[in-house]
Amino acid sequence: MSSQGHSTRHPDSHGGQPVAEAANDQTGAWFEIYRAPAFPAATGRGDEWGWRLRAADGQIMAASAPHDFLEKCRSAVAALQAFAAGARIE
């Protein structure tokens, strides 16, 4: 079980491996941070990091573009957690 209280792992159709989760106990939703193997020959880069916002049933509600560093990915999740609830729709 993670320190945030969510232990469910869902299969990833894109080959990424979940490495961290941050849960919202009120809605059952959580952010999943994962490492996705890149294809260095094609991109010139190594592994990339991404996040997915999952609903209580495991459905992916939102996902990120690739991040080249884990800390950039974690920062993006932290910003969403801090600001998204109050964001307006345009």
PDB file of N, CA and C in Angstrom:
ATOM      1  N   MET A   1       0.854  -1.179   0.000  1.00  0.00           N
ATOM      2  CA  MET A   1       0.000   0.000   0.000  1.00  0.00           C
ATOM      3  C   MET A   1       0.889   1.227   0.000  1.00  0.00           C
ATOM      4  N   SER A   2       0.549   2.231  -0.797  1.00  0.00           N
ATOM      5  CA  SER A   2       1.333   3.455  -0.837  1.00  0.00           C
ATOM      6  C   SER A   2       1.039   4.291   0.394  1.00  0.00           C
ATOM      7  N   SER A   3       1.873   5.303   0.611  1.00  0.00           N
ATOM      8  CA  SER A   3       1.684   6.155   1.776  1.00  0.00           C
ATOM      9  C   SER A   3       0.419   6.992   1.649  1.00  0.00           C
ATOM     10  N   GLN A   4      -0.132   7.130   0.447  1.00  0.00           N
ATOM     11  CA  GLN A   4      -1.346   7.892   0.275  1.00  0.00           C
ATOM     12  C   GLN A   4      -2.592   7.030   0.468  1.00  0.00           C
ATOM     13  N   GLY A   5      -2.431   5.741   0.689  1.00  0.00           N
ATOM     14  CA  GLY A   5      -3.565   4.892   0.992  1.00  0.00           C
ATOM     15  C   GLY A   5      -4.197   4.217  -0.205  1.00  0.00           C
ATOM     16  N   HIS A   6      -3.543   4.212  -1.346  1.00  0.00           N
ATOM     17  CA  HIS A   6      -4.111   3.569  -2.526  1.00  0.00           C
ATOM     18  C   HIS A   6      -3.128   2.531  -3.031  1.00  0.00           C
ATOM     19  N   SER A   7      -3.580   1.306  -3.196  1.00  0.00           N
ATOM     20  CA  SER A   7      -2.653   0.243  -3.571  1.00  0.00           C
ATOM     21  C   SER A   7      -2.992  -0.437  -4.894  1.00  0.00           C
ATOM     22  N   THR A   8      -4.080  -0.068  -5.545  1.00  0.00           N
ATOM     23  CA  THR A   8      -4.477  -0.735  -6.776  1.00  0.00           C
ATOM     24  C   THR A   8      -3.536  -0.367  -7.909  1.00  0.00           C
ATOM     25  N   ARG A   9      -3.087  -1.375  -8.657  1.00  0.00           N
ATOM     26  CA  ARG A   9      -2.277  -1.155  -9.850  1.00  0.00           C
ATOM     27  C   ARG A   9      -3.091  -1.616 -11.048  1.00  0.00           C
ATOM     28  N   HIS A  10      -3.127  -0.828 -12.066  1.00  0.00           N
ATOM     29  CA  HIS A  10      -3.885  -1.167 -13.259  1.00  0.00           C
ATOM     30  C   HIS A  10      -2.937  -1.432 -14.411  1.00  0.00           C
ATOM     31  N   PRO A  11      -3.303  -2.336 -15.292  1.00  0.00           N
ATOM     32  CA  PRO A  11      -2.451  -2.599 -16.444  1.00  0.00           C
ATOM     33  C   PRO A  11      -2.317  -1.350 -17.301  1.00  0.00           C
ATOM     34  N   ASP A  12      -1.179  -1.203 -17.906  1.00  0.00           N
ATOM     35  CA  ASP A  12      -0.895  -0.056 -18.742  1.00  0.00           C
ATOM     36  C   ASP A  12      -0.737  -0.518 -20.175  1.00  0.00           C
ATOM     37  N   SER A  13      -1.615  -0.080 -21.041  1.00  0.00           N
ATOM     38  CA  SER A  13      -1.565  -0.514 -22.431  1.00  0.00           C
ATOM     39  C   SER A  13      -0.399   0.105 -23.192  1.00  0.00           C
ATOM     40  N   HIS A  14       0.271   1.090 -22.600  1.00  0.00           N
ATOM     41  CA  HIS A  14       1.383   1.747 -23.279  1.00  0.00           C
ATOM     42  C   HIS A  14       2.739   1.257 -22.785  1.00  0.00           C
ATOM     43  N   GLY A  15       2.787   0.289 -21.901  1.00  0.00           N
ATOM     44  CA  GLY A  15       4.044  -0.278 -21.447  1.00  0.00           C
ATOM     45  C   GLY A  15       4.693   0.444 -20.289  1.00  0.00           C
ATOM     46  N   GLY A  16       4.100   1.509 -19.789  1.00  0.00           N
ATOM     47  CA  GLY A  16       4.687   2.237 -18.665  1.00  0.00           C
ATOM     48  C   GLY A  16       4.516   1.490 -17.361  1.00  0.00           C
ATOM     49  N   GLN A  17       5.452   1.671 -16.459  1.00  0.00           N
ATOM     50  CA  GLN A  17       5.398   1.028 -15.156  1.00  0.00           C
ATOM     51  C   GLN A  17       5.074   2.063 -14.088  1.00  0.00           C
ATOM     52  N   PRO A  18       3.955   1.913 -13.342  1.00  0.00           N
ATOM     53  CA  PRO A  18       3.628   2.865 -12.285  1.00  0.00           C
ATOM     54  C   PRO A  18       4.719   2.879 -11.224  1.00  0.00           C
ATOM     55  N   VAL A  19       5.097   4.077 -10.794  1.00  0.00           N
ATOM     56  CA  VAL A  19       6.109   4.193  -9.754  1.00  0.00           C
ATOM     57  C   VAL A  19       5.605   4.944  -8.534  1.00  0.00           C
ATOM     58  N   ALA A  20       4.538   5.715  -8.671  1.00  0.00           N
ATOM     59  CA  ALA A  20       4.027   6.463  -7.528  1.00  0.00           C
ATOM     60  C   ALA A  20       2.560   6.785  -7.760  1.00  0.00           C
ATOM     61  N   GLU A  21       1.847   6.970  -6.661  1.00  0.00           N
ATOM     62  CA  GLU A  21       0.448   7.344  -6.739  1.00  0.00           C
ATOM     63  C   GLU A  21       0.151   8.374  -5.670  1.00  0.00           C
ATOM     64  N   ALA A  22      -0.759   9.279  -5.967  1.00  0.00           N
ATOM     65  CA  ALA A  22      -1.230  10.264  -5.000  1.00  0.00           C
ATOM     66  C   ALA A  22      -2.746  10.235  -5.046  1.00  0.00           C
ATOM     67  N   ALA A  23      -3.374   9.810  -3.969  1.00  0.00           N
ATOM     68  CA  ALA A  23      -4.819   9.586  -3.973  1.00  0.00           C
ATOM     69  C   ALA A  23      -5.591  10.767  -3.401  1.00  0.00           C
ATOM     70  N   ASN A  24      -6.847  10.897  -3.840  1.00  0.00           N
ATOM     71  CA  ASN A  24      -7.803  11.819  -3.262  1.00  0.00           C
ATOM     72  C   ASN A  24      -8.863  10.945  -2.602  1.00  0.00           C
ATOM     73  N   ASP A  25      -8.832  10.857  -1.299  1.00  0.00           N
ATOM     74  CA  ASP A  25      -9.725   9.951  -0.590  1.00  0.00           C
ATOM     75  C   ASP A  25     -11.198  10.352  -0.702  1.00  0.00           C
ATOM     76  N   GLN A  26     -11.497  11.607  -1.026  1.00  0.00           N
ATOM     77  CA  GLN A  26     -12.892  12.039  -1.133  1.00  0.00           C
ATOM     78  C   GLN A  26     -13.549  11.517  -2.404  1.00  0.00           C
ATOM     79  N   THR A  27     -12.806  11.457  -3.507  1.00  0.00           N
ATOM     80  CA  THR A  27     -13.399  11.043  -4.777  1.00  0.00           C
ATOM     81  C   THR A  27     -12.966   9.654  -5.207  1.00  0.00           C
ATOM     82  N   GLY A  28     -11.903   9.157  -4.631  1.00  0.00           N
ATOM     83  CA  GLY A  28     -11.355   7.888  -5.058  1.00  0.00           C
ATOM     84  C   GLY A  28     -10.423   8.028  -6.252  1.00  0.00           C
ATOM     85  N   ALA A  29     -10.275   9.245  -6.779  1.00  0.00           N
ATOM     86  CA  ALA A  29      -9.390   9.488  -7.917  1.00  0.00           C
ATOM     87  C   ALA A  29      -7.942   9.554  -7.447  1.00  0.00           C
ATOM     88  N   TRP A  30      -7.019   9.272  -8.379  1.00  0.00           N
ATOM     89  CA  TRP A  30      -5.615   9.374  -8.024  1.00  0.00           C
ATOM     90  C   TRP A  30      -4.763   9.679  -9.243  1.00  0.00           C
ATOM     91  N   PHE A  31      -3.608  10.291  -8.973  1.00  0.00           N
ATOM     92  CA  PHE A  31      -2.596  10.510  -9.996  1.00  0.00           C
ATOM     93  C   PHE A  31      -1.625   9.345  -9.938  1.00  0.00           C
ATOM     94  N   GLU A  32      -1.334   8.816 -11.080  1.00  0.00           N
ATOM     95  CA  GLU A  32      -0.365   7.732 -11.211  1.00  0.00           C
ATOM     96  C   GLU A  32       0.822   8.287 -11.994  1.00  0.00           C
ATOM     97  N   ILE A  33       2.013   8.196 -11.421  1.00  0.00           N
ATOM     98  CA  ILE A  33       3.238   8.602 -12.112  1.00  0.00           C
ATOM     99  C   ILE A  33       3.924   7.332 -12.585  1.00  0.00           C
ATOM    100  N   TYR A  34       4.330   7.332 -13.848  1.00  0.00           N
ATOM    101  CA  TYR A  34       4.920   6.121 -14.412  1.00  0.00           C
ATOM    102  C   TYR A  34       6.121   6.451 -15.285  1.00  0.00           C
ATOM    103  N   ARG A  35       6.979   5.461 -15.433  1.00  0.00           N
ATOM    104  CA  ARG A  35       8.126   5.568 -16.326  1.00  0.00           C
ATOM    105  C   ARG A  35       7.795   4.793 -17.585  1.00  0.00           C
ATOM    106  N   ALA A  36       7.925   5.457 -18.717  1.00  0.00           N
ATOM    107  CA  ALA A  36       7.651   4.819 -20.003  1.00  0.00           C
ATOM    108  C   ALA A  36       8.954   4.654 -20.759  1.00  0.00           C
ATOM    109  N   PRO A  37       9.281   3.444 -21.142  1.00  0.00           N
ATOM    110  CA  PRO A  37      10.502   3.261 -21.909  1.00  0.00           C
ATOM    111  C   PRO A  37      10.399   3.992 -23.243  1.00  0.00           C
ATOM    112  N   ALA A  38      11.412   4.756 -23.562  1.00  0.00           N
ATOM    113  CA  ALA A  38      11.460   5.446 -24.853  1.00  0.00           C
ATOM    114  C   ALA A  38      12.257   4.597 -25.821  1.00  0.00           C
ATOM    115  N   PHE A  39      12.278   5.000 -27.023  1.00  0.00           N
ATOM    116  CA  PHE A  39      13.048   4.315 -28.052  1.00  0.00           C
ATOM    117  C   PHE A  39      14.200   5.225 -28.443  1.00  0.00           C
ATOM    118  N   PRO A  40      15.360   5.095 -27.771  1.00  0.00           N
ATOM    119  CA  PRO A  40      16.466   6.033 -28.001  1.00  0.00           C
ATOM    120  C   PRO A  40      16.872   6.153 -29.464  1.00  0.00           C
ATOM    121  N   ALA A  41      16.810   5.078 -30.219  1.00  0.00           N
ATOM    122  CA  ALA A  41      17.202   5.149 -31.624  1.00  0.00           C
ATOM    123  C   ALA A  41      16.261   6.078 -32.396  1.00  0.00           C
ATOM    124  N   ALA A  42      14.993   6.110 -32.004  1.00  0.00           N
ATOM    125  CA  ALA A  42      14.013   6.925 -32.709  1.00  0.00           C
ATOM    126  C   ALA A  42      13.969   8.363 -32.187  1.00  0.00           C
ATOM    127  N   THR A  43      14.140   8.534 -30.877  1.00  0.00           N
ATOM    128  CA  THR A  43      13.972   9.858 -30.285  1.00  0.00           C
ATOM    129  C   THR A  43      15.272  10.502 -29.850  1.00  0.00           C
ATOM    130  N   GLY A  44      16.318   9.701 -29.671  1.00  0.00           N
ATOM    131  CA  GLY A  44      17.568  10.245 -29.152  1.00  0.00           C
ATOM    132  C   GLY A  44      17.545  10.457 -27.652  1.00  0.00           C
ATOM    133  N   ARG A  45      16.468  10.023 -27.000  1.00  0.00           N
ATOM    134  CA  ARG A  45      16.324  10.206 -25.553  1.00  0.00           C
ATOM    135  C   ARG A  45      16.189   8.853 -24.873  1.00  0.00           C
ATOM    136  N   GLY A  46      16.322   8.875 -23.565  1.00  0.00           N
ATOM    137  CA  GLY A  46      16.118   7.663 -22.784  1.00  0.00           C
ATOM    138  C   GLY A  46      14.687   7.582 -22.287  1.00  0.00           C
ATOM    139  N   ASP A  47      14.511   6.994 -21.119  1.00  0.00           N
ATOM    140  CA  ASP A  47      13.178   6.843 -20.538  1.00  0.00           C
ATOM    141  C   ASP A  47      12.518   8.195 -20.328  1.00  0.00           C
ATOM    142  N   GLU A  48      11.202   8.194 -20.381  1.00  0.00           N
ATOM    143  CA  GLU A  48      10.418   9.382 -20.128  1.00  0.00           C
ATOM    144  C   GLU A  48       9.427   9.085 -19.016  1.00  0.00           C
ATOM    145  N   TRP A  49       8.916  10.144 -18.406  1.00  0.00           N
ATOM    146  CA  TRP A  49       7.984  10.041 -17.286  1.00  0.00           C
ATOM    147  C   TRP A  49       6.659  10.668 -17.670  1.00  0.00           C
ATOM    148  N   GLY A  50       5.584  10.125 -17.128  1.00  0.00           N
ATOM    149  CA  GLY A  50       4.270  10.679 -17.387  1.00  0.00           C
ATOM    150  C   GLY A  50       3.371  10.505 -16.174  1.00  0.00           C
ATOM    151  N   TRP A  51       2.241  11.178 -16.206  1.00  0.00           N
ATOM    152  CA  TRP A  51       1.235  11.002 -15.166  1.00  0.00           C
ATOM    153  C   TRP A  51      -0.111  10.754 -15.835  1.00  0.00           C
ATOM    154  N   ARG A  52      -0.966  10.066 -15.085  1.00  0.00           N
ATOM    155  CA  ARG A  52      -2.347   9.841 -15.490  1.00  0.00           C
ATOM    156  C   ARG A  52      -3.226  10.129 -14.288  1.00  0.00           C
ATOM    157  N   LEU A  53      -4.336  10.805 -14.519  1.00  0.00           N
ATOM    158  CA  LEU A  53      -5.353  10.984 -13.495  1.00  0.00           C
ATOM    159  C   LEU A  53      -6.373   9.890 -13.711  1.00  0.00           C
ATOM    160  N   ARG A  54      -6.554   9.039 -12.709  1.00  0.00           N
ATOM    161  CA  ARG A  54      -7.477   7.906 -12.824  1.00  0.00           C
ATOM    162  C   ARG A  54      -8.678   8.106 -11.911  1.00  0.00           C
ATOM    163  N   ALA A  55      -9.838   7.712 -12.413  1.00  0.00           N
ATOM    164  CA  ALA A  55     -11.069   7.723 -11.623  1.00  0.00           C
ATOM    165  C   ALA A  55     -11.049   6.533 -10.666  1.00  0.00           C
ATOM    166  N   ALA A  56     -11.999   6.511  -9.751  1.00  0.00           N
ATOM    167  CA  ALA A  56     -12.062   5.435  -8.758  1.00  0.00           C
ATOM    168  C   ALA A  56     -12.119   4.054  -9.396  1.00  0.00           C
ATOM    169  N   ASP A  57     -12.717   3.953 -10.589  1.00  0.00           N
ATOM    170  CA  ASP A  57     -12.821   2.655 -11.261  1.00  0.00           C
ATOM    171  C   ASP A  57     -11.592   2.325 -12.107  1.00  0.00           C
ATOM    172  N   GLY A  58     -10.574   3.192 -12.079  1.00  0.00           N
ATOM    173  CA  GLY A  58      -9.343   2.949 -12.825  1.00  0.00           C
ATOM    174  C   GLY A  58      -9.311   3.568 -14.207  1.00  0.00           C
ATOM    175  N   GLN A  59     -10.427   4.140 -14.659  1.00  0.00           N
ATOM    176  CA  GLN A  59     -10.468   4.761 -15.981  1.00  0.00           C
ATOM    177  C   GLN A  59      -9.542   5.975 -16.015  1.00  0.00           C
ATOM    178  N   ILE A  60      -8.802   6.126 -17.107  1.00  0.00           N
ATOM    179  CA  ILE A  60      -7.924   7.281 -17.272  1.00  0.00           C
ATOM    180  C   ILE A  60      -8.775   8.484 -17.652  1.00  0.00           C
ATOM    181  N   MET A  61      -8.715   9.526 -16.829  1.00  0.00           N
ATOM    182  CA  MET A  61      -9.484  10.743 -17.057  1.00  0.00           C
ATOM    183  C   MET A  61      -8.653  11.823 -17.751  1.00  0.00           C
ATOM    184  N   ALA A  62      -7.357  11.835 -17.505  1.00  0.00           N
ATOM    185  CA  ALA A  62      -6.441  12.795 -18.120  1.00  0.00           C
ATOM    186  C   ALA A  62      -5.047  12.193 -18.082  1.00  0.00           C
ATOM    187  N   ALA A  63      -4.211  12.613 -19.025  1.00  0.00           N
ATOM    188  CA  ALA A  63      -2.842  12.109 -19.084  1.00  0.00           C
ATOM    189  C   ALA A  63      -1.920  13.215 -19.575  1.00  0.00           C
ATOM    190  N   SER A  64      -0.663  13.096 -19.226  1.00  0.00           N
ATOM    191  CA  SER A  64       0.318  14.114 -19.587  1.00  0.00           C
ATOM    192  C   SER A  64       1.044  13.781 -20.880  1.00  0.00           C
ATOM    193  N   ALA A  65       1.689  14.792 -21.398  1.00  0.00           N
ATOM    194  CA  ALA A  65       2.701  14.597 -22.434  1.00  0.00           C
ATOM    195  C   ALA A  65       3.944  14.061 -21.708  1.00  0.00           C
ATOM    196  N   PRO A  66       4.906  13.515 -22.421  1.00  0.00           N
ATOM    197  CA  PRO A  66       6.106  12.984 -21.756  1.00  0.00           C
ATOM    198  C   PRO A  66       6.934  14.077 -21.093  1.00  0.00           C
ATOM    199  N   HIS A  67       7.512  13.719 -19.957  1.00  0.00           N
ATOM    200  CA  HIS A  67       8.461  14.578 -19.238  1.00  0.00           C
ATOM    201  C   HIS A  67       9.811  13.871 -19.269  1.00  0.00           C
ATOM    202  N   ASP A  68      10.881  14.641 -19.460  1.00  0.00           N
ATOM    203  CA  ASP A  68      12.190  14.005 -19.543  1.00  0.00           C
ATOM    204  C   ASP A  68      12.821  13.718 -18.186  1.00  0.00           C
ATOM    205  N   PHE A  69      12.262  14.282 -17.114  1.00  0.00           N
ATOM    206  CA  PHE A  69      12.787  14.023 -15.770  1.00  0.00           C
ATOM    207  C   PHE A  69      11.636  13.751 -14.806  1.00  0.00           C
ATOM    208  N   LEU A  70      11.859  12.848 -13.861  1.00  0.00           N
ATOM    209  CA  LEU A  70      10.843  12.499 -12.870  1.00  0.00           C
ATOM    210  C   LEU A  70      10.404  13.725 -12.086  1.00  0.00           C
ATOM    211  N   GLU A  71      11.342  14.586 -11.684  1.00  0.00           N
ATOM    212  CA  GLU A  71      10.973  15.756 -10.877  1.00  0.00           C
ATOM    213  C   GLU A  71      10.069  16.716 -11.646  1.00  0.00           C
ATOM    214  N   LYS A  72      10.255  16.854 -12.944  1.00  0.00           N
ATOM    215  CA  LYS A  72       9.351  17.692 -13.747  1.00  0.00           C
ATOM    216  C   LYS A  72       7.947  17.096 -13.739  1.00  0.00           C
ATOM    217  N   CYS A  73       7.867  15.795 -13.809  1.00  0.00           N
ATOM    218  CA  CYS A  73       6.576  15.115 -13.782  1.00  0.00           C
ATOM    219  C   CYS A  73       5.897  15.314 -12.426  1.00  0.00           C
ATOM    220  N   ARG A  74       6.648  15.124 -11.359  1.00  0.00           N
ATOM    221  CA  ARG A  74       6.089  15.322 -10.010  1.00  0.00           C
ATOM    222  C   ARG A  74       5.640  16.773  -9.809  1.00  0.00           C
ATOM    223  N   SER A  75       6.405  17.727 -10.335  1.00  0.00           N
ATOM    224  CA  SER A  75       6.035  19.144 -10.214  1.00  0.00           C
ATOM    225  C   SER A  75       4.734  19.434 -10.944  1.00  0.00           C
ATOM    226  N   ALA A  76       4.549  18.827 -12.107  1.00  0.00           N
ATOM    227  CA  ALA A  76       3.309  19.017 -12.861  1.00  0.00           C
ATOM    228  C   ALA A  76       2.118  18.488 -12.069  1.00  0.00           C
ATOM    229  N   VAL A  77       2.259  17.318 -11.455  1.00  0.00           N
ATOM    230  CA  VAL A  77       1.185  16.750 -10.643  1.00  0.00           C
ATOM    231  C   VAL A  77       0.897  17.651  -9.450  1.00  0.00           C
ATOM    232  N   ALA A  78       1.929  18.135  -8.784  1.00  0.00           N
ATOM    233  CA  ALA A  78       1.737  19.019  -7.626  1.00  0.00           C
ATOM    234  C   ALA A  78       1.009  20.297  -8.028  1.00  0.00           C
ATOM    235  N   ALA A  79       1.353  20.859  -9.186  1.00  0.00           N
ATOM    236  CA  ALA A  79       0.673  22.066  -9.659  1.00  0.00           C
ATOM    237  C   ALA A  79      -0.799  21.777  -9.937  1.00  0.00           C
ATOM    238  N   LEU A  80      -1.099  20.658 -10.554  1.00  0.00           N
ATOM    239  CA  LEU A  80      -2.498  20.294 -10.800  1.00  0.00           C
ATOM    240  C   LEU A  80      -3.266  20.117  -9.499  1.00  0.00           C
ATOM    241  N   GLN A  81      -2.645  19.451  -8.542  1.00  0.00           N
ATOM    242  CA  GLN A  81      -3.315  19.238  -7.255  1.00  0.00           C
ATOM    243  C   GLN A  81      -3.595  20.571  -6.564  1.00  0.00           C
ATOM    244  N   ALA A  82      -2.691  21.523  -6.703  1.00  0.00           N
ATOM    245  CA  ALA A  82      -2.827  22.796  -6.022  1.00  0.00           C
ATOM    246  C   ALA A  82      -3.812  23.741  -6.704  1.00  0.00           C
ATOM    247  N   PHE A  83      -3.875  23.716  -8.037  1.00  0.00           N
ATOM    248  CA  PHE A  83      -4.606  24.752  -8.755  1.00  0.00           C
ATOM    249  C   PHE A  83      -5.807  24.292  -9.560  1.00  0.00           C
ATOM    250  N   ALA A  84      -5.900  23.038  -9.927  1.00  0.00           N
ATOM    251  CA  ALA A  84      -6.928  22.603 -10.869  1.00  0.00           C
ATOM    252  C   ALA A  84      -8.353  22.770 -10.338  1.00  0.00           C
ATOM    253  N   ALA A  85      -8.573  22.549  -9.076  1.00  0.00           N
ATOM    254  CA  ALA A  85      -9.938  22.613  -8.542  1.00  0.00           C
ATOM    255  C   ALA A  85     -10.548  24.004  -8.708  1.00  0.00           C
ATOM    256  N   GLY A  86      -9.722  25.039  -8.673  1.00  0.00           N
ATOM    257  CA  GLY A  86     -10.234  26.391  -8.801  1.00  0.00           C
ATOM    258  C   GLY A  86     -10.109  26.971 -10.194  1.00  0.00           C
ATOM    259  N   ALA A  87      -9.646  26.194 -11.145  1.00  0.00           N
ATOM    260  CA  ALA A  87      -9.446  26.712 -12.504  1.00  0.00           C
ATOM    261  C   ALA A  87     -10.786  26.906 -13.214  1.00  0.00           C
ATOM    262  N   ARG A  88     -10.871  27.971 -13.992  1.00  0.00           N
ATOM    263  CA  ARG A  88     -12.093  28.225 -14.757  1.00  0.00           C
ATOM    264  C   ARG A  88     -11.984  27.540 -16.134  1.00  0.00           C
ATOM    265  N   ILE A  89     -13.116  27.330 -16.742  1.00  0.00           N
ATOM    266  CA  ILE A  89     -13.176  26.727 -18.080  1.00  0.00           C
ATOM    267  C   ILE A  89     -13.389  27.863 -19.082  1.00  0.00           C
ATOM    268  N   GLU A  90     -12.592  27.884 -20.119  1.00  0.00           N
ATOM    269  CA  GLU A  90     -12.721  28.922 -21.153  1.00  0.00           C
ATOM    270  C   GLU A  90     -12.972  28.298 -22.496  1.00  0.00           C
TER     271      GLU A  90
END
